[in-house]
Amino acid sequence: MQAVAIPQIIERLQRLPTEKLAAVYDFVSYLVEREATQTERRSEAFQTMLASEAVLRRDWDRPEEDEAWADL
């Protein structure tokens, strides 16, 4: 896919009939919302990972664990 600049998009939009602009607007709105949702999901997954690490550290960072894994 080739890179497209905003002025190129605007030029194309200006050539469209008015009734087609609503469809374009709906599609662009969908893309923006999807991107926001994906970003939010990545952020939530990252926060979960950090929280899990802190909880698991309590179990893993103990002398008994170090001793159990020392010979592996």
PDB file of N, CA and C in Angstrom:
ATOM      1  N   MET A   1       0.844  -1.178   0.000  1.00  0.00           N
ATOM      2  CA  MET A   1       0.000   0.000   0.000  1.00  0.00           C
ATOM      3  C   MET A   1       0.889   1.241   0.000  1.00  0.00           C
ATOM      4  N   GLN A   2       0.562   2.176  -0.831  1.00  0.00           N
ATOM      5  CA  GLN A   2       1.366   3.391  -0.927  1.00  0.00           C
ATOM      6  C   GLN A   2       0.959   4.400   0.138  1.00  0.00           C
ATOM      7  N   ALA A   3       1.898   5.250   0.501  1.00  0.00           N
ATOM      8  CA  ALA A   3       1.617   6.302   1.476  1.00  0.00           C
ATOM      9  C   ALA A   3       0.722   7.357   0.829  1.00  0.00           C
ATOM     10  N   VAL A   4      -0.207   7.857   1.610  1.00  0.00           N
ATOM     11  CA  VAL A   4      -1.144   8.867   1.120  1.00  0.00           C
ATOM     12  C   VAL A   4      -1.122  10.036   2.087  1.00  0.00           C
ATOM     13  N   ALA A   5      -1.045  11.236   1.544  1.00  0.00           N
ATOM     14  CA  ALA A   5      -1.040  12.442   2.371  1.00  0.00           C
ATOM     15  C   ALA A   5      -2.457  13.014   2.461  1.00  0.00           C
ATOM     16  N   ILE A   6      -2.699  13.749   3.514  1.00  0.00           N
ATOM     17  CA  ILE A   6      -4.021  14.335   3.738  1.00  0.00           C
ATOM     18  C   ILE A   6      -4.476  15.200   2.558  1.00  0.00           C
ATOM     19  N   PRO A   7      -3.610  16.035   1.981  1.00  0.00           N
ATOM     20  CA  PRO A   7      -4.075  16.817   0.823  1.00  0.00           C
ATOM     21  C   PRO A   7      -4.584  15.946  -0.330  1.00  0.00           C
ATOM     22  N   GLN A   8      -3.982  14.783  -0.529  1.00  0.00           N
ATOM     23  CA  GLN A   8      -4.458  13.873  -1.576  1.00  0.00           C
ATOM     24  C   GLN A   8      -5.863  13.366  -1.254  1.00  0.00           C
ATOM     25  N   ILE A   9      -6.078  13.066   0.002  1.00  0.00           N
ATOM     26  CA  ILE A   9      -7.401  12.589   0.427  1.00  0.00           C
ATOM     27  C   ILE A   9      -8.436  13.694   0.240  1.00  0.00           C
ATOM     28  N   ILE A  10      -8.082  14.894   0.645  1.00  0.00           N
ATOM     29  CA  ILE A  10      -9.001  16.031   0.509  1.00  0.00           C
ATOM     30  C   ILE A  10      -9.358  16.262  -0.955  1.00  0.00           C
ATOM     31  N   GLU A  11      -8.369  16.162  -1.820  1.00  0.00           N
ATOM     32  CA  GLU A  11      -8.626  16.349  -3.256  1.00  0.00           C
ATOM     33  C   GLU A  11      -9.652  15.340  -3.759  1.00  0.00           C
ATOM     34  N   ARG A  12      -9.489  14.100  -3.349  1.00  0.00           N
ATOM     35  CA  ARG A  12     -10.434  13.059  -3.767  1.00  0.00           C
ATOM     36  C   ARG A  12     -11.820  13.306  -3.175  1.00  0.00           C
ATOM     37  N   LEU A  13     -11.859  13.710  -1.915  1.00  0.00           N
ATOM     38  CA  LEU A  13     -13.146  13.976  -1.269  1.00  0.00           C
ATOM     39  C   LEU A  13     -13.917  15.081  -1.983  1.00  0.00           C
ATOM     40  N   GLN A  14     -13.208  16.083  -2.440  1.00  0.00           N
ATOM     41  CA  GLN A  14     -13.858  17.203  -3.117  1.00  0.00           C
ATOM     42  C   GLN A  14     -14.491  16.788  -4.442  1.00  0.00           C
ATOM     43  N   ARG A  15     -14.065  15.682  -4.987  1.00  0.00           N
ATOM     44  CA  ARG A  15     -14.622  15.190  -6.257  1.00  0.00           C
ATOM     45  C   ARG A  15     -15.856  14.305  -6.049  1.00  0.00           C
ATOM     46  N   LEU A  16     -16.068  13.869  -4.818  1.00  0.00           N
ATOM     47  CA  LEU A  16     -17.192  12.967  -4.561  1.00  0.00           C
ATOM     48  C   LEU A  16     -18.521  13.712  -4.528  1.00  0.00           C
ATOM     49  N   PRO A  17     -19.584  13.044  -4.948  1.00  0.00           N
ATOM     50  CA  PRO A  17     -20.915  13.628  -4.773  1.00  0.00           C
ATOM     51  C   PRO A  17     -21.234  13.732  -3.275  1.00  0.00           C
ATOM     52  N   THR A  18     -22.028  14.704  -2.911  1.00  0.00           N
ATOM     53  CA  THR A  18     -22.353  14.965  -1.506  1.00  0.00           C
ATOM     54  C   THR A  18     -22.910  13.729  -0.806  1.00  0.00           C
ATOM     55  N   GLU A  19     -23.745  12.973  -1.482  1.00  0.00           N
ATOM     56  CA  GLU A  19     -24.363  11.802  -0.835  1.00  0.00           C
ATOM     57  C   GLU A  19     -23.333  10.724  -0.483  1.00  0.00           C
ATOM     58  N   LYS A  20     -22.190  10.714  -1.124  1.00  0.00           N
ATOM     59  CA  LYS A  20     -21.138   9.734  -0.810  1.00  0.00           C
ATOM     60  C   LYS A  20     -20.308  10.155   0.404  1.00  0.00           C
ATOM     61  N   LEU A  21     -20.321  11.416   0.742  1.00  0.00           N
ATOM     62  CA  LEU A  21     -19.507  11.909   1.854  1.00  0.00           C
ATOM     63  C   LEU A  21     -19.930  11.306   3.189  1.00  0.00           C
ATOM     64  N   ALA A  22     -21.206  11.040   3.362  1.00  0.00           N
ATOM     65  CA  ALA A  22     -21.680  10.420   4.605  1.00  0.00           C
ATOM     66  C   ALA A  22     -21.066   9.028   4.769  1.00  0.00           C
ATOM     67  N   ALA A  23     -20.974   8.280   3.681  1.00  0.00           N
ATOM     68  CA  ALA A  23     -20.369   6.946   3.742  1.00  0.00           C
ATOM     69  C   ALA A  23     -18.889   7.041   4.082  1.00  0.00           C
ATOM     70  N   VAL A  24     -18.210   8.010   3.503  1.00  0.00           N
ATOM     71  CA  VAL A  24     -16.789   8.218   3.802  1.00  0.00           C
ATOM     72  C   VAL A  24     -16.623   8.585   5.272  1.00  0.00           C
ATOM     73  N   TYR A  25     -17.467   9.484   5.747  1.00  0.00           N
ATOM     74  CA  TYR A  25     -17.398   9.909   7.146  1.00  0.00           C
ATOM     75  C   TYR A  25     -17.629   8.725   8.085  1.00  0.00           C
ATOM     76  N   ASP A  26     -18.619   7.897   7.782  1.00  0.00           N
ATOM     77  CA  ASP A  26     -18.892   6.716   8.606  1.00  0.00           C
ATOM     78  C   ASP A  26     -17.689   5.778   8.633  1.00  0.00           C
ATOM     79  N   PHE A  27     -17.069   5.578   7.479  1.00  0.00           N
ATOM     80  CA  PHE A  27     -15.926   4.675   7.409  1.00  0.00           C
ATOM     81  C   PHE A  27     -14.734   5.222   8.190  1.00  0.00           C
ATOM     82  N   VAL A  28     -14.458   6.504   8.033  1.00  0.00           N
ATOM     83  CA  VAL A  28     -13.346   7.121   8.765  1.00  0.00           C
ATOM     84  C   VAL A  28     -13.625   7.068  10.267  1.00  0.00           C
ATOM     85  N   SER A  29     -14.854   7.319  10.664  1.00  0.00           N
ATOM     86  CA  SER A  29     -15.222   7.238  12.083  1.00  0.00           C
ATOM     87  C   SER A  29     -14.999   5.830  12.618  1.00  0.00           C
ATOM     88  N   TYR A  30     -15.366   4.837  11.823  1.00  0.00           N
ATOM     89  CA  TYR A  30     -15.147   3.446  12.200  1.00  0.00           C
ATOM     90  C   TYR A  30     -13.653   3.164  12.402  1.00  0.00           C
ATOM     91  N   LEU A  31     -12.826   3.612  11.479  1.00  0.00           N
ATOM     92  CA  LEU A  31     -11.379   3.384  11.589  1.00  0.00           C
ATOM     93  C   LEU A  31     -10.798   4.050  12.830  1.00  0.00           C
ATOM     94  N   VAL A  32     -11.225   5.273  13.107  1.00  0.00           N
ATOM     95  CA  VAL A  32     -10.728   5.994  14.285  1.00  0.00           C
ATOM     96  C   VAL A  32     -11.143   5.262  15.558  1.00  0.00           C
ATOM     97  N   GLU A  33     -12.381   4.827  15.624  1.00  0.00           N
ATOM     98  CA  GLU A  33     -12.883   4.118  16.809  1.00  0.00           C
ATOM     99  C   GLU A  33     -12.159   2.791  16.994  1.00  0.00           C
ATOM    100  N   ARG A  34     -11.940   2.078  15.899  1.00  0.00           N
ATOM    101  CA  ARG A  34     -11.235   0.795  15.978  1.00  0.00           C
ATOM    102  C   ARG A  34      -9.808   0.988  16.491  1.00  0.00           C
ATOM    103  N   GLU A  35      -9.139   2.020  16.012  1.00  0.00           N
ATOM    104  CA  GLU A  35      -7.775   2.305  16.465  1.00  0.00           C
ATOM    105  C   GLU A  35      -7.757   2.633  17.953  1.00  0.00           C
ATOM    106  N   ALA A  36      -8.723   3.427  18.397  1.00  0.00           N
ATOM    107  CA  ALA A  36      -8.798   3.786  19.819  1.00  0.00           C
ATOM    108  C   ALA A  36      -9.049   2.546  20.670  1.00  0.00           C
ATOM    109  N   THR A  37      -9.911   1.659  20.196  1.00  0.00           N
ATOM    110  CA  THR A  37     -10.214   0.434  20.931  1.00  0.00           C
ATOM    111  C   THR A  37      -8.984  -0.460  21.020  1.00  0.00           C
ATOM    112  N   GLN A  38      -8.252  -0.594  19.931  1.00  0.00           N
ATOM    113  CA  GLN A  38      -7.044  -1.427  19.937  1.00  0.00           C
ATOM    114  C   GLN A  38      -5.988  -0.850  20.873  1.00  0.00           C
ATOM    115  N   THR A  39      -5.843   0.464  20.865  1.00  0.00           N
ATOM    116  CA  THR A  39      -4.881   1.112  21.755  1.00  0.00           C
ATOM    117  C   THR A  39      -5.271   0.877  23.203  1.00  0.00           C
ATOM    118  N   GLU A  40      -6.557   0.978  23.489  1.00  0.00           N
ATOM    119  CA  GLU A  40      -7.045   0.754  24.850  1.00  0.00           C
ATOM    120  C   GLU A  40      -6.797  -0.685  25.285  1.00  0.00           C
ATOM    121  N   ARG A  41      -7.029  -1.633  24.393  1.00  0.00           N
ATOM    122  CA  ARG A  41      -6.794  -3.046  24.723  1.00  0.00           C
ATOM    123  C   ARG A  41      -5.321  -3.306  25.007  1.00  0.00           C
ATOM    124  N   ARG A  42      -4.442  -2.714  24.191  1.00  0.00           N
ATOM    125  CA  ARG A  42      -3.004  -2.895  24.429  1.00  0.00           C
ATOM    126  C   ARG A  42      -2.622  -2.311  25.783  1.00  0.00           C
ATOM    127  N   SER A  43      -3.181  -1.179  26.117  1.00  0.00           N
ATOM    128  CA  SER A  43      -2.880  -0.537  27.391  1.00  0.00           C
ATOM    129  C   SER A  43      -3.373  -1.398  28.552  1.00  0.00           C
ATOM    130  N   GLU A  44      -4.585  -1.941  28.429  1.00  0.00           N
ATOM    131  CA  GLU A  44      -5.129  -2.802  29.481  1.00  0.00           C
ATOM    132  C   GLU A  44      -4.280  -4.057  29.646  1.00  0.00           C
ATOM    133  N   ALA A  45      -3.851  -4.648  28.553  1.00  0.00           N
ATOM    134  CA  ALA A  45      -3.018  -5.849  28.620  1.00  0.00           C
ATOM    135  C   ALA A  45      -1.691  -5.540  29.299  1.00  0.00           C
ATOM    136  N   PHE A  46      -1.123  -4.388  29.001  1.00  0.00           N
ATOM    137  CA  PHE A  46       0.139  -3.993  29.614  1.00  0.00           C
ATOM    138  C   PHE A  46      -0.038  -3.788  31.118  1.00  0.00           C
ATOM    139  N   GLN A  47      -1.117  -3.133  31.513  1.00  0.00           N
ATOM    140  CA  GLN A  47      -1.377  -2.909  32.935  1.00  0.00           C
ATOM    141  C   GLN A  47      -1.584  -4.240  33.665  1.00  0.00           C
ATOM    142  N   THR A  48      -2.261  -5.179  33.027  1.00  0.00           N
ATOM    143  CA  THR A  48      -2.461  -6.504  33.619  1.00  0.00           C
ATOM    144  C   THR A  48      -1.134  -7.220  33.788  1.00  0.00           C
ATOM    145  N   MET A  49      -0.269  -7.114  32.787  1.00  0.00           N
ATOM    146  CA  MET A  49       1.043  -7.743  32.873  1.00  0.00           C
ATOM    147  C   MET A  49       1.835  -7.185  34.053  1.00  0.00           C
ATOM    148  N   LEU A  50       1.818  -5.869  34.207  1.00  0.00           N
ATOM    149  CA  LEU A  50       2.556  -5.255  35.311  1.00  0.00           C
ATOM    150  C   LEU A  50       2.002  -5.688  36.658  1.00  0.00           C
ATOM    151  N   ALA A  51       0.689  -5.742  36.776  1.00  0.00           N
ATOM    152  CA  ALA A  51       0.071  -6.166  38.035  1.00  0.00           C
ATOM    153  C   ALA A  51       0.398  -7.627  38.325  1.00  0.00           C
ATOM    154  N   SER A  52       0.364  -8.467  37.304  1.00  0.00           N
ATOM    155  CA  SER A  52       0.673  -9.885  37.487  1.00  0.00           C
ATOM    156  C   SER A  52       2.113 -10.078  37.926  1.00  0.00           C
ATOM    157  N   GLU A  53       3.006  -9.310  37.353  1.00  0.00           N
ATOM    158  CA  GLU A  53       4.418  -9.427  37.707  1.00  0.00           C
ATOM    159  C   GLU A  53       4.628  -9.143  39.190  1.00  0.00           C
ATOM    160  N   ALA A  54       3.980  -8.123  39.695  1.00  0.00           N
ATOM    161  CA  ALA A  54       4.134  -7.772  41.110  1.00  0.00           C
ATOM    162  C   ALA A  54       3.604  -8.884  42.009  1.00  0.00           C
ATOM    163  N   VAL A  55       2.480  -9.477  41.635  1.00  0.00           N
ATOM    164  CA  VAL A  55       1.892 -10.551  42.439  1.00  0.00           C
ATOM    165  C   VAL A  55       2.770 -11.797  42.374  1.00  0.00           C
ATOM    166  N   LEU A  56       3.214 -12.159  41.182  1.00  0.00           N
ATOM    167  CA  LEU A  56       4.036 -13.358  41.033  1.00  0.00           C
ATOM    168  C   LEU A  56       5.401 -13.205  41.690  1.00  0.00           C
ATOM    169  N   ARG A  57       5.917 -11.991  41.730  1.00  0.00           N
ATOM    170  CA  ARG A  57       7.216 -11.756  42.354  1.00  0.00           C
ATOM    171  C   ARG A  57       7.213 -12.218  43.811  1.00  0.00           C
ATOM    172  N   ARG A  58       6.073 -12.049  44.484  1.00  0.00           N
ATOM    173  CA  ARG A  58       5.984 -12.482  45.888  1.00  0.00           C
ATOM    174  C   ARG A  58       6.221 -13.984  46.018  1.00  0.00           C
ATOM    175  N   ASP A  59       5.755 -14.746  45.027  1.00  0.00           N
ATOM    176  CA  ASP A  59       5.953 -16.194  45.075  1.00  0.00           C
ATOM    177  C   ASP A  59       7.330 -16.602  44.575  1.00  0.00           C
ATOM    178  N   TRP A  60       7.819 -15.913  43.567  1.00  0.00           N
ATOM    179  CA  TRP A  60       9.063 -16.334  42.933  1.00  0.00           C
ATOM    180  C   TRP A  60      10.312 -15.828  43.631  1.00  0.00           C
ATOM    181  N   ASP A  61      10.270 -14.673  44.218  1.00  0.00           N
ATOM    182  CA  ASP A  61      11.458 -14.095  44.857  1.00  0.00           C
ATOM    183  C   ASP A  61      11.545 -14.508  46.322  1.00  0.00           C
ATOM    184  N   ARG A  62      11.669 -15.818  46.514  1.00  0.00           N
ATOM    185  CA  ARG A  62      11.812 -16.354  47.871  1.00  0.00           C
ATOM    186  C   ARG A  62      13.005 -17.307  47.881  1.00  0.00           C
ATOM    187  N   PRO A  63      13.664 -17.405  48.997  1.00  0.00           N
ATOM    188  CA  PRO A  63      14.820 -18.313  49.084  1.00  0.00           C
ATOM    189  C   PRO A  63      14.469 -19.759  48.711  1.00  0.00           C
ATOM    190  N   GLU A  64      13.270 -20.209  49.079  1.00  0.00           N
ATOM    191  CA  GLU A  64      12.870 -21.584  48.759  1.00  0.00           C
ATOM    192  C   GLU A  64      12.825 -21.803  47.241  1.00  0.00           C
ATOM    193  N   GLU A  65      12.340 -20.817  46.534  1.00  0.00           N
ATOM    194  CA  GLU A  65      12.279 -20.917  45.076  1.00  0.00           C
ATOM    195  C   GLU A  65      13.686 -20.929  44.478  1.00  0.00           C
ATOM    196  N   ASP A  66      14.543 -20.050  44.963  1.00  0.00           N
ATOM    197  CA  ASP A  66      15.923 -20.017  44.466  1.00  0.00           C
ATOM    198  C   ASP A  66      16.604 -21.362  44.681  1.00  0.00           C
ATOM    199  N   GLU A  67      16.384 -21.953  45.836  1.00  0.00           N
ATOM    200  CA  GLU A  67      16.990 -23.248  46.149  1.00  0.00           C
ATOM    201  C   GLU A  67      16.429 -24.344  45.237  1.00  0.00           C
ATOM    202  N   ALA A  68      15.139 -24.312  44.991  1.00  0.00           N
ATOM    203  CA  ALA A  68      14.507 -25.334  44.156  1.00  0.00           C
ATOM    204  C   ALA A  68      15.016 -25.272  42.716  1.00  0.00           C
ATOM    205  N   TRP A  69      15.316 -24.088  42.224  1.00  0.00           N
ATOM    206  CA  TRP A  69      15.739 -23.919  40.839  1.00  0.00           C
ATOM    207  C   TRP A  69      17.262 -23.891  40.676  1.00  0.00           C
ATOM    208  N   ALA A  70      17.992 -23.929  41.735  1.00  0.00           N
ATOM    209  CA  ALA A  70      19.446 -23.757  41.682  1.00  0.00           C
ATOM    210  C   ALA A  70      20.145 -24.840  40.856  1.00  0.00           C
ATOM    211  N   ASP A  71      19.658 -26.049  40.872  1.00  0.00           N
ATOM    212  CA  ASP A  71      20.334 -27.160  40.197  1.00  0.00           C
ATOM    213  C   ASP A  71      19.789 -27.453  38.798  1.00  0.00           C
ATOM    214  N   LEU A  72      18.912 -26.633  38.293  1.00  0.00           N
ATOM    215  CA  LEU A  72      18.342 -26.898  36.959  1.00  0.00           C
ATOM    216  C   LEU A  72      19.111 -26.222  35.872  1.00  0.00           C
TER     217      LEU A  72
END
